Amino acid sequence: MRVAFLGCTKYSEELFLHIIQNKEVEIAAVFSIPQQFKISYSESLITNSNFADMEAHAKERDIPFHYITGEKGKRLQDHSAFIKRLELDVILVLGWYYMVPQVVRSLAKFGAWGIHASLLPDYAGGAPLVWAIMEGQTTTGVTLFKLDDGVDNGDIILQDEFPILFEDSIREVYQKATESSIRILNKAFELGDKNTFTKQDPGKIKIYPQRSPAD
């Protein structure tokens, strides 16, 4: 599968380093977001405390790289002509902070796929692992899904479940989610064009808010 990789976090980095070893996958381009960046819910620049230097990984492997800042000329859609020339099967969105517009999603054969750290439609929206711990869940998981215009409402491709133990902190649960994400990507790459897409019931999607330092 020929893919473009979108990511800017330690989670992104772990998945990138795993995917790059998969002989069934070719990463044709990498897009990332700077450590300090603008986002709609903040008047000033915010700092990504979980930032990973994806530019260094791309340059080391001679993979085309672009930063996305949300400003004119540096949005995903501003790279549409370049992305179209890549002739992609999938756009992988793994650890990302901006919406991926339909004009970009349509440039890959199978669209754009993301991983959400819950068993959708449960815990859509922000901080799903934190909310699952706070609400006393004993299991959660990750969902590979096809991005759509809404919040985590796209078609479900694959899901993988794991336990939340009483003694687990967010660190342990986050690591389990990363390992689960690797498993789910391996299966998706193995299936290739045999992956199936299951629509979500809009009435069952509950969107949780982002967490802030004040919380």
Protein backbone atom coordinates (compact mmCIF):
# COMPACT_ATOMS: atom_id res chain seq x y z
CA MET A 1 0.00 0.00 0.00
CA ARG A 2 1.28 3.44 -0.91
CA VAL A 3 0.54 5.93 1.87
CA ALA A 4 1.05 9.49 3.05
CA PHE A 5 1.73 9.74 6.79
CA LEU A 6 0.30 12.58 8.93
CA GLY A 7 1.59 12.77 12.50
CA CYS A 8 3.35 14.99 15.04
CA THR A 9 3.38 13.13 18.38
CA LYS A 10 5.38 10.42 20.16
CA TYR A 11 2.50 8.10 19.28
CA SER A 12 2.94 9.06 15.61
CA GLU A 13 6.65 8.39 15.87
CA GLU A 14 6.20 4.89 17.32
CA LEU A 15 3.74 3.96 14.58
CA PHE A 16 5.89 5.49 11.84
CA LEU A 17 8.96 3.52 12.96
CA HIS A 18 6.89 0.35 12.91
CA ILE A 19 5.24 0.99 9.54
CA ILE A 20 8.50 1.90 7.83
CA GLN A 21 9.70 -1.67 8.43
CA ASN A 22 6.64 -3.22 6.77
CA LYS A 23 7.55 -4.36 3.27
CA GLU A 24 3.89 -4.23 2.27
CA VAL A 25 3.80 -0.43 2.81
CA GLU A 26 5.55 2.47 1.08
CA ILE A 27 5.46 5.85 2.83
CA ALA A 28 5.45 8.33 -0.06
CA ALA A 29 5.33 11.55 2.01
CA VAL A 30 5.24 12.78 5.60
CA PHE A 31 3.28 15.77 6.88
CA SER A 32 3.68 17.11 10.42
CA ILE A 33 2.77 20.07 12.66
CA PRO A 34 5.42 22.25 14.40
CA GLN A 35 5.85 21.93 18.16
CA GLN A 36 4.25 25.36 18.62
CA PHE A 37 1.18 25.83 16.48
CA LYS A 38 -2.10 27.68 16.11
CA ILE A 39 -5.41 25.95 16.71
CA SER A 40 -9.00 27.19 16.73
CA TYR A 41 -9.68 26.93 20.48
CA SER A 42 -6.65 29.04 21.52
CA GLU A 43 -5.95 32.74 20.94
CA SER A 44 -2.20 32.17 21.18
CA LEU A 45 0.17 29.46 19.97
CA ILE A 46 -0.04 26.22 21.91
CA THR A 47 2.87 23.87 22.62
CA ASN A 48 2.71 20.18 21.81
CA SER A 49 4.29 18.63 24.91
CA ASN A 50 4.15 15.21 23.21
CA PHE A 51 5.96 16.45 20.08
CA ALA A 52 8.09 14.16 17.89
CA ASP A 53 10.53 15.40 15.25
CA MET A 54 9.03 13.66 12.21
CA GLU A 55 11.09 15.86 9.88
CA ALA A 56 14.30 14.14 11.00
CA HIS A 57 12.81 10.69 10.40
CA ALA A 58 11.62 11.66 6.92
CA LYS A 59 14.91 13.28 5.90
CA GLU A 60 16.89 10.28 7.15
CA ARG A 61 14.92 8.10 4.72
CA ASP A 62 14.74 10.65 1.89
CA ILE A 63 10.93 10.91 2.14
CA PRO A 64 9.32 14.22 1.05
CA PHE A 65 8.30 16.24 4.13
CA HIS A 66 6.01 19.24 4.75
CA TYR A 67 4.95 21.16 7.88
CA ILE A 68 1.27 22.11 8.18
CA THR A 69 0.52 25.21 10.27
CA GLY A 70 -3.08 26.00 9.35
CA GLU A 71 -1.99 29.29 7.75
CA LYS A 72 -2.63 30.07 4.10
CA GLY A 73 -0.11 28.27 1.95
CA LYS A 74 0.67 25.76 4.69
CA ARG A 75 -2.64 23.92 4.93
CA LEU A 76 -3.13 20.35 3.73
CA GLN A 77 -5.34 21.49 0.88
CA ASP A 78 -2.58 23.79 -0.34
CA HIS A 79 -0.58 20.63 -1.11
CA SER A 80 -3.40 18.98 -3.10
CA ALA A 81 -1.54 18.93 -6.42
CA PHE A 82 1.50 17.32 -4.78
CA ILE A 83 -0.65 14.75 -2.94
CA LYS A 84 -2.51 13.86 -6.14
CA ARG A 85 0.78 13.15 -7.92
CA LEU A 86 1.69 10.64 -5.21
CA GLU A 87 -1.09 8.28 -6.42
CA LEU A 88 -1.85 7.13 -2.88
CA ASP A 89 -3.86 4.18 -1.65
CA VAL A 90 -4.39 5.68 1.82
CA ILE A 91 -3.69 8.82 3.83
CA LEU A 92 -2.80 7.71 7.38
CA VAL A 93 -3.68 10.24 10.09
CA LEU A 94 -2.00 9.11 13.31
CA GLY A 95 -1.56 11.75 16.02
CA TRP A 96 -2.89 14.91 14.36
CA TYR A 97 -4.58 18.18 15.44
CA TYR A 98 -6.29 19.53 12.31
CA MET A 99 -9.31 18.38 10.34
CA VAL A 100 -8.43 16.68 7.05
CA PRO A 101 -10.71 18.28 4.43
CA GLN A 102 -12.66 16.17 1.96
CA VAL A 103 -10.75 17.66 -0.97
CA VAL A 104 -7.61 16.01 0.48
CA ARG A 105 -9.28 12.77 1.63
CA SER A 106 -10.56 12.20 -1.89
CA LEU A 107 -7.02 12.16 -3.31
CA ALA A 108 -6.29 8.63 -2.00
CA LYS A 109 -7.91 5.47 -3.40
CA PHE A 110 -9.29 4.38 0.00
CA GLY A 111 -9.52 7.85 1.55
CA ALA A 112 -7.95 8.94 4.86
CA TRP A 113 -7.78 6.56 7.81
CA GLY A 114 -7.29 7.49 11.44
CA ILE A 115 -7.03 5.66 14.74
CA HIS A 116 -9.17 6.79 17.67
CA ALA A 117 -8.32 5.53 21.15
CA SER A 118 -11.72 4.07 21.99
CA LEU A 119 -14.14 1.48 20.69
CA LEU A 120 -16.25 3.81 18.59
CA PRO A 121 -18.99 4.94 18.79
CA ASP A 122 -18.09 5.07 22.53
CA TYR A 123 -15.88 7.97 23.69
CA ALA A 124 -15.70 9.95 20.47
CA GLY A 125 -14.04 13.37 20.76
CA GLY A 126 -11.28 14.46 23.13
CA ALA A 127 -9.13 12.56 25.65
CA PRO A 128 -10.90 9.19 25.25
CA LEU A 129 -8.44 7.21 27.38
CA VAL A 130 -8.64 9.71 30.25
CA TRP A 131 -12.44 9.71 30.16
CA ALA A 132 -12.54 5.89 30.10
CA ILE A 133 -10.36 5.73 33.23
CA MET A 134 -12.36 8.46 35.00
CA GLU A 135 -15.64 6.69 34.29
CA GLY A 136 -14.38 3.39 35.67
CA GLN A 137 -14.21 1.38 32.46
CA THR A 138 -12.38 -1.95 32.73
CA THR A 139 -11.88 -2.34 28.98
CA THR A 140 -11.38 0.01 26.07
CA GLY A 141 -9.59 -0.24 22.75
CA VAL A 142 -8.71 1.48 19.51
CA THR A 143 -10.66 1.92 16.30
CA LEU A 144 -9.26 2.24 12.79
CA PHE A 145 -11.82 4.26 10.85
CA LYS A 146 -12.27 6.20 7.65
CA LEU A 147 -12.27 9.95 8.25
CA ASP A 148 -15.44 11.86 7.40
CA ASP A 149 -16.63 15.44 7.92
CA GLY A 150 -17.72 14.97 11.55
CA VAL A 151 -15.92 14.12 14.80
CA ASP A 152 -14.84 10.45 14.79
CA ASN A 153 -18.01 9.53 12.89
CA GLY A 154 -16.54 7.77 9.84
CA ASP A 155 -16.94 4.16 8.81
CA ILE A 156 -15.29 1.63 11.15
CA ILE A 157 -12.64 -0.57 9.52
CA LEU A 158 -11.17 -2.56 12.44
CA GLN A 159 -11.20 -2.51 16.25
CA ASP A 160 -8.90 -3.97 18.92
CA GLU A 161 -9.79 -4.24 22.62
CA PHE A 162 -7.56 -4.24 25.71
CA PRO A 163 -8.11 -4.16 29.52
CA ILE A 164 -7.78 -1.23 31.90
CA LEU A 165 -6.45 -2.63 35.16
CA PHE A 166 -7.21 -1.02 38.53
CA GLU A 167 -3.54 -0.08 39.01
CA ASP A 168 -3.10 1.39 35.51
CA SER A 169 -2.33 5.08 35.13
CA ILE A 170 -2.75 6.93 31.84
CA ARG A 171 0.87 5.98 31.01
CA GLU A 172 0.10 2.25 31.01
CA VAL A 173 -3.20 2.69 29.17
CA TYR A 174 -1.54 4.93 26.55
CA GLN A 175 1.13 2.27 25.94
CA LYS A 176 -1.53 -0.41 25.56
CA ALA A 177 -3.31 1.80 23.03
CA THR A 178 -0.07 2.18 21.05
CA GLU A 179 0.52 -1.59 21.01
CA SER A 180 -3.12 -2.11 20.02
CA SER A 181 -2.71 0.44 17.20
CA ILE A 182 0.26 -1.49 15.83
CA ARG A 183 -1.77 -4.72 15.83
CA ILE A 184 -4.68 -3.09 14.04
CA LEU A 185 -2.46 -1.49 11.38
CA ASN A 186 -0.70 -4.81 10.73
CA LYS A 187 -4.06 -6.45 10.12
CA ALA A 188 -5.27 -3.62 7.87
CA PHE A 189 -2.10 -3.73 5.75
CA GLU A 190 -2.41 -7.51 5.49
CA LEU A 191 -6.03 -7.23 4.30
CA GLY A 192 -5.22 -4.46 1.80
CA ASP A 193 -8.14 -3.91 -0.58
CA LYS A 194 -10.13 -6.59 1.31
CA ASN A 195 -10.71 -4.23 4.27
CA THR A 196 -14.41 -3.67 4.97
CA PHE A 197 -16.17 -0.46 6.09
CA THR A 198 -19.07 -0.44 8.59
CA LYS A 199 -21.16 2.70 9.06
CA GLN A 200 -21.64 4.02 12.59
CA ASP A 201 -25.07 4.70 14.05
CA PRO A 202 -25.11 8.53 14.48
CA GLY A 203 -27.53 8.17 17.38
CA LYS A 204 -24.96 6.20 19.41
CA ILE A 205 -22.05 8.64 19.02
CA LYS A 206 -21.38 10.66 22.18
CA ILE A 207 -18.69 13.32 21.76
CA TYR A 208 -16.55 14.02 24.83
CA PRO A 209 -14.78 17.38 25.32
CA GLN A 210 -11.05 18.01 25.33
CA ARG A 211 -9.27 18.19 28.70
CA SER A 212 -7.41 21.32 29.73
CA PRO A 213 -4.75 22.01 32.40
CA ALA A 214 -7.52 23.47 34.59
CA ASP A 215 -9.20 20.03 34.66
